[in-house]
């Protein structure tokens, strides 16, 4: 039906009002100082709708790299509807088999690359699988590769400015001998350059490159050392608890220093260095250990870098963290919790919020929605096999479980991987690990 055209003077008045409103400063219903709002973070409950202005567009899917539980069927990548406005929010909408079983699906990239080609490691198989997620509802396996540049057992990946992944490899050759190294790979899986983690200045160090942080602004890479083979009974190389972090020059992949992490108040916090993360300033790196220590790297721009203990988490085991603005978000599986620290002063972190999940939930892997307002949590897999979504307030650091992200008809939040049927077939329960938000 055609509507009558308003008189010209009303159209002009509407334009004037809209122009005036657009010119008004943004306002908030909370008039407390920023520090007071942050201090109250653990008491506040953020909402998904509040988060849209914090960053990029809200992701509409979660991609979870999962291993078939009984190892009889193929491991696979699952796609879950993660659009909060969708009536299918939390439903598994697609899956693609990897064409291999028992690979031990482990780390993926932590954020969706611009190419939408996701790298995912099947650690026991020593292989990296490449998935094309350009059409999220029709994911495709592009292929896989194993050894690269003479190094074996790939683990973690960070994209460089040119779009290539820089990857840690735990060992060398078929026998997985230590030390491993760093390898830059193209998006197609071809080797660009490779370098050994061996350091003649640290002949007795057990060096098994595990994860990495890239600092292009100061030409540095930080790698941790943790021996996955110790967990899995691999042969070859030395075995034991690690405690070193390495500083590399990014431009030529040369090792500048191999640093022993000092003990913390409990004595063992420096063991098993796991995940380094670059803070918002682009120059400061904190390293989390699986023994629940948090260390600040020092002197990274010089030739004699070091590390200093700054925080210890409760519990006996920690996992894969992320950084959101001035906050460090840490899964602590031994406490069944996810903890948020204010790290605006990296030398003095302080807890501002935590979420405690069920007694059978051991939160392990975290990944961030592009808005910065949601975090997906993957369980370690030895209790429940379930994904949760947390809602995060970037202003206060408050964490809350997204109660709407759940299986249809379930009486509790989260998406269970203990199910018989998947879009690719009736292959039974699976264990998710690396998980990432995407478009």
Protein backbone atom coordinates (compact mmCIF):
# COMPACT_ATOMS: atom_id res chain seq x y z
CA UNK A 1 0.00 0.00 0.00
CA UNK A 2 1.31 3.49 -0.85
CA UNK A 3 1.76 5.79 2.14
CA UNK A 4 1.10 9.58 1.86
CA UNK A 5 4.18 11.78 1.59
CA UNK A 6 4.64 13.97 4.73
CA UNK A 7 4.55 17.77 4.29
CA UNK A 8 7.99 19.30 3.54
CA UNK A 9 8.18 21.14 6.88
CA UNK A 10 7.78 17.84 8.83
CA UNK A 11 10.59 16.19 6.86
CA UNK A 12 12.84 19.17 7.56
CA UNK A 13 11.99 19.04 11.27
CA UNK A 14 12.80 15.31 11.45
CA UNK A 15 16.16 15.91 9.80
CA UNK A 16 16.96 18.66 12.32
CA UNK A 17 16.09 16.43 15.29
CA UNK A 18 18.17 13.50 14.01
CA UNK A 19 21.16 15.77 13.41
CA UNK A 20 20.91 17.12 16.97
CA UNK A 21 20.67 13.65 18.53
CA UNK A 22 23.65 12.34 16.53
CA UNK A 23 25.76 15.21 17.83
CA UNK A 24 25.10 14.41 21.48
CA UNK A 25 27.96 12.69 23.38
CA UNK A 26 27.52 9.01 24.14
CA UNK A 27 26.20 8.41 27.63
CA UNK A 28 26.15 5.54 30.09
CA UNK A 29 23.70 4.65 32.81
CA UNK A 30 26.70 3.91 35.05
CA UNK A 31 28.27 7.18 36.17
CA UNK A 32 30.92 5.63 38.42
CA UNK A 33 34.61 6.18 37.61
CA UNK A 34 36.14 3.49 35.39
CA UNK A 35 38.16 2.08 38.30
CA UNK A 36 35.02 1.69 40.39
CA UNK A 37 33.21 -0.08 37.56
CA UNK A 38 36.16 -2.43 37.11
CA UNK A 39 36.33 -3.18 40.83
CA UNK A 40 32.67 -4.21 40.72
CA UNK A 41 33.23 -6.49 37.74
CA UNK A 42 32.71 -9.80 39.50
CA UNK A 43 29.29 -8.67 40.70
CA UNK A 44 28.06 -7.57 37.28
CA UNK A 45 26.50 -9.89 34.73
CA UNK A 46 27.31 -8.85 31.15
CA UNK A 47 24.89 -9.49 28.33
CA UNK A 48 25.62 -10.44 24.74
CA UNK A 49 23.79 -7.41 23.37
CA UNK A 50 26.07 -5.12 25.37
CA UNK A 51 29.16 -6.38 23.61
CA UNK A 52 28.63 -5.35 20.00
CA UNK A 53 30.45 -2.02 20.31
CA UNK A 54 33.57 -3.60 21.82
CA UNK A 55 35.16 -4.89 18.63
CA UNK A 56 34.39 -6.57 15.33
CA UNK A 57 31.23 -8.18 14.04
CA UNK A 58 29.60 -10.90 16.12
CA UNK A 59 30.71 -14.35 14.97
CA UNK A 60 27.95 -16.56 13.65
CA UNK A 61 29.71 -19.93 13.98
CA UNK A 62 32.01 -21.88 16.28
CA UNK A 63 34.37 -24.43 14.70
CA UNK A 64 35.52 -27.26 16.99
CA UNK A 65 38.31 -29.73 16.14
CA UNK A 66 37.28 -33.04 17.71
CA UNK A 67 38.61 -36.57 18.11
CA UNK A 68 36.39 -39.64 17.86
CA UNK A 69 36.29 -40.99 21.40
CA UNK A 70 36.76 -44.69 20.66
CA UNK A 71 39.11 -43.93 17.72
CA UNK A 72 37.16 -46.20 15.40
CA UNK A 73 35.78 -43.43 13.22
CA UNK A 74 37.37 -40.39 11.67
CA UNK A 75 38.27 -37.32 13.68
CA UNK A 76 36.38 -34.28 12.43
CA UNK A 77 35.70 -30.56 12.51
CA UNK A 78 32.25 -29.61 13.85
CA UNK A 79 30.41 -26.38 13.04
CA UNK A 80 28.02 -24.93 15.64
CA UNK A 81 25.52 -22.09 15.15
CA UNK A 82 26.88 -19.27 17.34
CA UNK A 83 24.62 -16.44 16.19
CA UNK A 84 22.84 -15.18 19.34
CA UNK A 85 19.92 -14.02 17.19
CA UNK A 86 19.47 -17.41 15.52
CA UNK A 87 16.67 -19.79 16.58
CA UNK A 88 19.27 -22.57 16.16
CA UNK A 89 21.79 -21.00 18.57
CA UNK A 90 23.93 -23.83 19.94
CA UNK A 91 22.96 -26.42 17.30
CA UNK A 92 25.61 -28.46 15.46
CA UNK A 93 24.89 -27.54 11.84
CA UNK A 94 27.74 -29.19 9.90
CA UNK A 95 30.78 -31.42 10.27
CA UNK A 96 33.57 -32.64 8.04
CA UNK A 97 35.69 -35.78 8.66
CA UNK A 98 39.48 -35.49 8.57
CA UNK A 99 39.84 -38.85 6.84
CA UNK A 100 41.94 -40.21 9.71
CA UNK A 101 41.20 -41.64 13.15
CA UNK A 102 43.12 -41.55 16.42
CA UNK A 103 45.12 -38.45 15.44
CA UNK A 104 44.55 -36.80 18.85
CA UNK A 105 43.02 -33.50 17.64
CA UNK A 106 44.83 -30.82 19.59
CA UNK A 107 45.59 -27.17 18.80
CA UNK A 108 44.02 -25.17 16.03
CA UNK A 109 44.77 -21.57 15.29
CA UNK A 110 43.32 -19.32 18.01
CA UNK A 111 41.55 -16.93 15.64
CA UNK A 112 40.00 -17.39 12.23
CA UNK A 113 42.54 -16.34 9.55
CA UNK A 114 41.54 -13.96 6.78
CA UNK A 115 41.97 -16.74 4.22
CA UNK A 116 39.43 -18.83 6.15
CA UNK A 117 41.81 -21.76 5.81
CA UNK A 118 42.15 -23.12 9.34
CA UNK A 119 45.20 -25.12 10.47
CA UNK A 120 44.56 -27.88 13.04
CA UNK A 121 47.03 -30.39 14.43
CA UNK A 122 46.41 -34.07 15.01
CA UNK A 123 49.30 -34.44 17.39
CA UNK A 124 49.61 -38.22 17.71
CA UNK A 125 49.65 -38.45 13.92
CA UNK A 126 52.22 -35.66 13.68
CA UNK A 127 50.04 -33.99 11.06
CA UNK A 128 48.52 -30.58 10.35
CA UNK A 129 45.08 -30.68 8.74
CA UNK A 130 43.91 -27.76 6.59
CA UNK A 131 40.23 -26.89 6.39
CA UNK A 132 38.52 -24.46 4.01
CA UNK A 133 35.78 -22.69 5.96
CA UNK A 134 34.84 -20.12 3.33
CA UNK A 135 31.33 -21.57 3.40
CA UNK A 136 30.88 -22.37 7.10
CA UNK A 137 27.88 -24.63 6.52
CA UNK A 138 29.85 -26.66 3.95
CA UNK A 139 33.37 -27.03 5.40
CA UNK A 140 35.98 -28.80 3.26
CA UNK A 141 39.18 -30.67 4.06
CA UNK A 142 41.94 -29.24 1.86
CA UNK A 143 44.58 -31.79 2.86
CA UNK A 144 47.26 -32.35 5.47
CA UNK A 145 51.02 -32.38 5.91
CA UNK A 146 53.43 -33.86 8.43
CA UNK A 147 57.12 -33.02 8.72
CA UNK A 148 58.25 -29.61 7.47
CA UNK A 149 61.77 -28.29 7.09
CA UNK A 150 63.18 -31.38 8.81
CA UNK A 151 61.00 -30.88 11.90
CA UNK A 152 58.19 -33.12 13.13
CA UNK A 153 55.11 -33.04 15.35
CA UNK A 154 53.63 -29.58 14.72
CA UNK A 155 51.85 -28.00 17.64
CA UNK A 156 50.83 -24.30 17.58
CA UNK A 157 50.33 -21.68 14.87
CA UNK A 158 50.37 -17.87 14.75
CA UNK A 159 49.73 -15.94 11.54
CA UNK A 160 52.38 -13.44 10.45
CA UNK A 161 51.60 -10.10 8.80
CA UNK A 162 52.04 -11.72 5.37
CA UNK A 163 49.33 -14.28 6.16
CA UNK A 164 51.70 -17.22 6.60
CA UNK A 165 51.47 -19.33 9.74
CA UNK A 166 54.56 -19.54 11.93
CA UNK A 167 54.44 -22.93 13.64
CA UNK A 168 56.18 -24.65 16.52
CA UNK A 169 57.40 -28.19 15.88
CA UNK A 170 58.22 -30.30 18.93
CA UNK A 171 60.89 -32.52 17.44
CA UNK A 172 63.03 -33.63 14.51
CA UNK A 173 62.54 -36.56 12.16
CA UNK A 174 60.39 -39.64 12.52
CA UNK A 175 61.80 -40.33 15.98
CA UNK A 176 60.63 -36.94 17.29
CA UNK A 177 64.07 -36.10 18.68
CA UNK A 178 64.54 -32.88 20.61
CA UNK A 179 64.98 -30.03 20.09
CA UNK A 180 62.38 -29.05 17.53
CA UNK A 181 62.11 -25.66 15.90
CA UNK A 182 60.10 -22.96 14.19
CA UNK A 183 58.80 -23.22 10.64
CA UNK A 184 57.12 -20.55 8.53
CA UNK A 185 54.58 -22.16 6.20
CA UNK A 186 52.42 -20.78 3.43
CA UNK A 187 48.66 -20.99 3.59
CA UNK A 188 49.00 -23.97 1.23
CA UNK A 189 51.32 -25.80 3.64
CA UNK A 190 54.61 -25.16 1.83
CA UNK A 191 57.78 -24.43 3.79
CA UNK A 192 59.15 -20.87 3.56
CA UNK A 193 61.91 -21.08 6.18
CA UNK A 194 62.80 -23.19 9.20
CA UNK A 195 65.14 -22.87 12.18
CA UNK A 196 66.25 -25.10 15.03
CA UNK A 197 65.56 -24.28 18.68
CA UNK A 198 68.99 -25.66 19.63
CA UNK A 199 71.00 -23.26 21.79
CA UNK A 200 74.67 -24.06 22.56
CA UNK A 201 74.42 -21.72 25.55
CA UNK A 202 71.87 -24.07 27.14
CA UNK A 203 73.21 -27.58 26.38
CA UNK A 204 71.34 -29.24 29.24
CA UNK A 205 67.93 -27.66 28.63
CA UNK A 206 65.07 -29.86 27.48
CA UNK A 207 63.70 -27.83 24.57
CA UNK A 208 60.41 -28.90 23.02
CA UNK A 209 58.81 -25.86 21.30
CA UNK A 210 55.17 -25.80 22.34
CA UNK A 211 53.46 -22.44 21.77
CA UNK A 212 54.49 -18.98 20.59
CA UNK A 213 53.83 -15.24 20.60
CA UNK A 214 54.97 -12.98 17.76
CA UNK A 215 56.09 -9.38 18.40
CA UNK A 216 56.64 -7.78 14.98
CA UNK A 217 57.03 -4.32 16.52
CA UNK A 218 60.31 -5.32 18.18
CA UNK A 219 61.35 -8.17 15.84
CA UNK A 220 60.87 -10.94 18.39
CA UNK A 221 59.21 -14.32 18.83
CA UNK A 222 58.68 -15.96 22.23
CA UNK A 223 58.34 -19.75 22.42
CA UNK A 224 57.59 -21.97 25.37
CA UNK A 225 58.84 -25.50 25.94
CA UNK A 226 56.59 -28.35 27.04
CA UNK A 227 57.02 -32.00 26.15
CA UNK A 228 53.82 -33.46 24.74
CA UNK A 229 55.63 -36.77 24.41
CA UNK A 230 55.83 -37.09 28.17
CA UNK A 231 52.04 -37.22 28.27
CA UNK A 232 51.71 -39.67 25.40
CA UNK A 233 54.56 -42.10 25.91
CA UNK A 234 56.41 -41.26 22.70
CA UNK A 235 59.83 -42.73 22.10
CA UNK A 236 62.84 -40.70 21.02
CA UNK A 237 64.52 -37.74 22.66
CA UNK A 238 64.79 -36.93 26.32
CA UNK A 239 61.70 -36.84 28.51
CA UNK A 240 60.95 -34.81 31.58
CA UNK A 241 59.54 -31.61 32.98
CA UNK A 242 60.56 -28.49 31.13
CA UNK A 243 61.11 -24.97 32.45
CA UNK A 244 62.58 -22.88 29.64
CA UNK A 245 61.27 -20.06 27.45
CA UNK A 246 63.13 -18.95 24.33
CA UNK A 247 63.44 -15.50 22.76
CA UNK A 248 64.03 -15.41 18.99
CA UNK A 249 64.65 -12.74 16.41
CA UNK A 250 61.67 -12.79 14.04
CA UNK A 251 63.53 -11.50 10.99
CA UNK A 252 66.00 -14.40 10.77
CA UNK A 253 64.55 -16.92 13.26
CA UNK A 254 67.71 -17.02 15.34
CA UNK A 255 67.62 -17.85 19.05
CA UNK A 256 68.65 -14.87 21.19
CA UNK A 257 68.28 -16.49 24.62
CA UNK A 258 67.04 -19.59 26.43
CA UNK A 259 65.67 -18.60 29.84
CA UNK A 260 64.98 -20.76 32.88
CA UNK A 261 61.81 -19.58 34.59
CA UNK A 262 62.54 -18.88 38.26
CA UNK A 263 60.51 -20.64 40.96
CA UNK A 264 57.48 -18.95 42.48
CA UNK A 265 56.40 -18.96 46.14
CA UNK A 266 55.26 -22.61 45.95
CA UNK A 267 58.49 -23.63 44.25
CA UNK A 268 57.21 -25.31 41.09
CA UNK A 269 55.32 -22.56 39.28
CA UNK A 270 58.05 -22.19 36.65
CA UNK A 271 57.72 -25.77 35.43
CA UNK A 272 55.99 -26.74 32.18
CA UNK A 273 55.85 -23.34 30.39
CA UNK A 274 52.74 -23.42 28.25
CA UNK A 275 51.33 -20.32 26.64
CA UNK A 276 52.90 -16.90 25.95
CA UNK A 277 50.56 -14.02 25.17
CA UNK A 278 51.22 -10.53 23.85
CA UNK A 279 49.46 -7.79 25.81
CA UNK A 280 47.58 -4.86 24.31
CA UNK A 281 50.66 -2.60 24.14
CA UNK A 282 52.25 -4.91 21.53
CA UNK A 283 55.52 -5.13 23.51
CA UNK A 284 54.77 -6.88 26.80
CA UNK A 285 54.55 -10.67 27.03
CA UNK A 286 53.22 -12.77 29.89
CA UNK A 287 53.84 -16.52 29.98
CA UNK A 288 51.47 -18.96 31.69
CA UNK A 289 52.81 -22.31 32.85
CA UNK A 290 50.81 -25.49 33.22
CA UNK A 291 51.96 -25.40 36.85
CA UNK A 292 49.83 -22.24 37.29
CA UNK A 293 52.57 -19.62 37.34
CA UNK A 294 52.37 -16.35 35.42
CA UNK A 295 55.64 -14.70 34.36
CA UNK A 296 56.44 -11.33 32.82
CA UNK A 297 59.18 -11.34 30.21
CA UNK A 298 61.75 -8.56 30.67
CA UNK A 299 64.37 -6.93 28.46
CA UNK A 300 62.92 -8.34 25.25
CA UNK A 301 64.36 -5.61 23.04
CA UNK A 302 67.92 -6.25 24.22
CA UNK A 303 70.35 -9.16 24.11
CA UNK A 304 69.85 -10.33 27.71
CA UNK A 305 66.12 -10.92 28.28
CA UNK A 306 64.73 -12.49 31.43
CA UNK A 307 61.54 -13.47 33.22
CA UNK A 308 59.97 -12.56 36.55
CA UNK A 309 57.19 -14.31 38.47
CA UNK A 310 54.15 -12.04 38.88
CA UNK A 311 51.18 -14.25 39.82
CA UNK A 312 50.15 -17.73 40.89
CA UNK A 313 46.74 -19.27 40.25
CA UNK A 314 45.07 -21.59 42.74
CA UNK A 315 44.88 -25.24 41.85
CA UNK A 316 47.46 -27.64 40.54
CA UNK A 317 47.03 -27.21 36.80
CA UNK A 318 46.35 -24.40 34.34
CA UNK A 319 45.67 -24.36 30.61
CA UNK A 320 45.28 -22.18 27.48
CA UNK A 321 44.57 -18.47 28.23
CA UNK A 322 43.68 -15.45 26.16
CA UNK A 323 44.08 -11.68 26.41
CA UNK A 324 41.17 -9.26 26.02
CA UNK A 325 42.24 -5.63 26.30
CA UNK A 326 43.67 -5.16 29.79
CA UNK A 327 42.46 -8.56 30.99
CA UNK A 328 44.09 -11.98 31.13
CA UNK A 329 41.51 -14.79 31.04
CA UNK A 330 42.84 -18.09 32.37
CA UNK A 331 41.25 -21.54 32.48
CA UNK A 332 42.18 -23.38 35.68
CA UNK A 333 40.92 -26.94 35.12
CA UNK A 334 42.00 -28.17 38.55
CA UNK A 335 39.64 -25.56 40.07
CA UNK A 336 36.91 -26.16 37.41
CA UNK A 337 37.10 -22.40 36.82
CA UNK A 338 37.85 -19.63 34.35
CA UNK A 339 39.52 -16.63 36.00
CA UNK A 340 39.89 -13.04 34.75
CA UNK A 341 42.84 -10.92 35.89
CA UNK A 342 43.32 -7.18 35.44
CA UNK A 343 46.80 -6.91 33.89
CA UNK A 344 46.76 -3.17 33.19
CA UNK A 345 49.82 -3.26 35.46
CA UNK A 346 51.52 -6.44 34.16
CA UNK A 347 53.81 -6.56 37.19
CA UNK A 348 50.85 -6.72 39.57
CA UNK A 349 47.93 -8.73 38.14
CA UNK A 350 44.79 -8.98 40.27
CA UNK A 351 41.72 -11.17 40.00
CA UNK A 352 38.49 -9.36 39.10
CA UNK A 353 36.13 -12.20 38.19
CA UNK A 354 35.74 -15.95 37.89
CA UNK A 355 33.22 -18.49 36.70
CA UNK A 356 33.15 -21.97 38.24
CA UNK A 357 31.72 -24.73 36.07
CA UNK A 358 30.57 -28.20 37.14
CA UNK A 359 32.64 -30.71 39.08
CA UNK A 360 33.07 -32.78 35.89
CA UNK A 361 34.16 -29.78 33.81
CA UNK A 362 37.86 -29.07 33.36
CA UNK A 363 38.07 -25.89 31.24
CA UNK A 364 41.12 -26.08 29.02
CA UNK A 365 40.94 -24.12 25.75
CA UNK A 366 39.63 -20.56 25.30
CA UNK A 367 38.97 -18.59 22.11
CA UNK A 368 37.55 -15.12 21.64
CA UNK A 369 34.66 -13.81 19.55
CA UNK A 370 35.74 -10.85 17.35
CA UNK A 371 33.58 -8.53 19.47
CA UNK A 372 35.66 -9.37 22.54
CA UNK A 373 32.39 -10.06 24.32
CA UNK A 374 32.17 -13.86 24.15
CA UNK A 375 34.60 -16.65 24.96
CA UNK A 376 34.20 -20.27 23.92
CA UNK A 377 35.48 -22.83 26.44
CA UNK A 378 36.45 -26.40 25.56
CA UNK A 379 36.75 -28.99 28.32
CA UNK A 380 39.95 -30.97 28.76
CA UNK A 381 38.03 -34.10 27.83
CA UNK A 382 38.60 -36.40 30.80
CA UNK A 383 35.34 -35.37 32.46
CA UNK A 384 32.45 -34.09 30.43
CA UNK A 385 33.05 -33.40 26.77
CA UNK A 386 31.25 -30.08 26.44
CA UNK A 387 31.66 -26.60 24.98
CA UNK A 388 30.50 -23.54 26.91
CA UNK A 389 30.22 -19.92 25.89
CA UNK A 390 31.02 -17.23 28.45
CA UNK A 391 29.89 -13.63 28.16
CA UNK A 392 32.69 -11.16 28.95
CA UNK A 393 32.47 -7.48 29.89
CA UNK A 394 35.52 -5.70 28.46
CA UNK A 395 35.02 -2.75 30.80
CA UNK A 396 34.96 -4.62 34.12
CA UNK A 397 36.29 -8.09 33.33
CA UNK A 398 33.07 -9.74 34.53
CA UNK A 399 32.49 -13.31 33.33
CA UNK A 400 29.16 -15.12 33.12
CA UNK A 401 27.96 -18.36 31.53
CA UNK A 402 25.80 -17.82 28.45
CA UNK A 403 22.73 -19.79 29.51
CA UNK A 404 21.23 -19.70 26.00
CA UNK A 405 24.10 -21.57 24.33
CA UNK A 406 22.92 -25.13 24.90
CA UNK A 407 21.60 -28.26 23.25
CA UNK A 408 17.92 -28.18 22.35
CA UNK A 409 15.85 -29.47 25.27
CA UNK A 410 18.82 -29.61 27.66
CA UNK A 411 18.42 -28.54 31.29
CA UNK A 412 21.93 -27.05 31.43
CA UNK A 413 24.07 -24.73 29.30
CA UNK A 414 26.70 -25.93 26.88
CA UNK A 415 26.89 -28.14 23.81
CA UNK A 416 27.69 -31.76 24.59
CA UNK A 417 29.97 -33.85 22.38
CA UNK A 418 28.65 -37.01 24.02
CA UNK A 419 26.11 -37.79 21.30
CA UNK A 420 25.54 -40.54 18.79
CA UNK A 421 24.77 -38.56 15.63
CA UNK A 422 26.68 -35.87 13.77
CA UNK A 423 25.94 -34.29 10.40
CA UNK A 424 28.60 -36.55 8.83
CA UNK A 425 27.22 -39.74 10.40
CA UNK A 426 26.45 -41.80 13.50
CA UNK A 427 30.00 -41.97 14.87
CA UNK A 428 29.31 -41.45 18.58
CA UNK A 429 30.99 -39.38 21.25
CA UNK A 430 33.95 -37.11 20.53
CA UNK A 431 36.47 -35.03 22.43
CA UNK A 432 36.72 -31.36 21.29
CA UNK A 433 39.92 -29.38 21.73
CA UNK A 434 41.00 -26.49 19.51
CA UNK A 435 37.97 -24.29 18.93
CA UNK A 436 37.58 -20.96 17.16
CA UNK A 437 34.85 -18.41 16.43
CA UNK A 438 34.22 -17.48 12.81
CA UNK A 439 31.97 -15.32 10.61
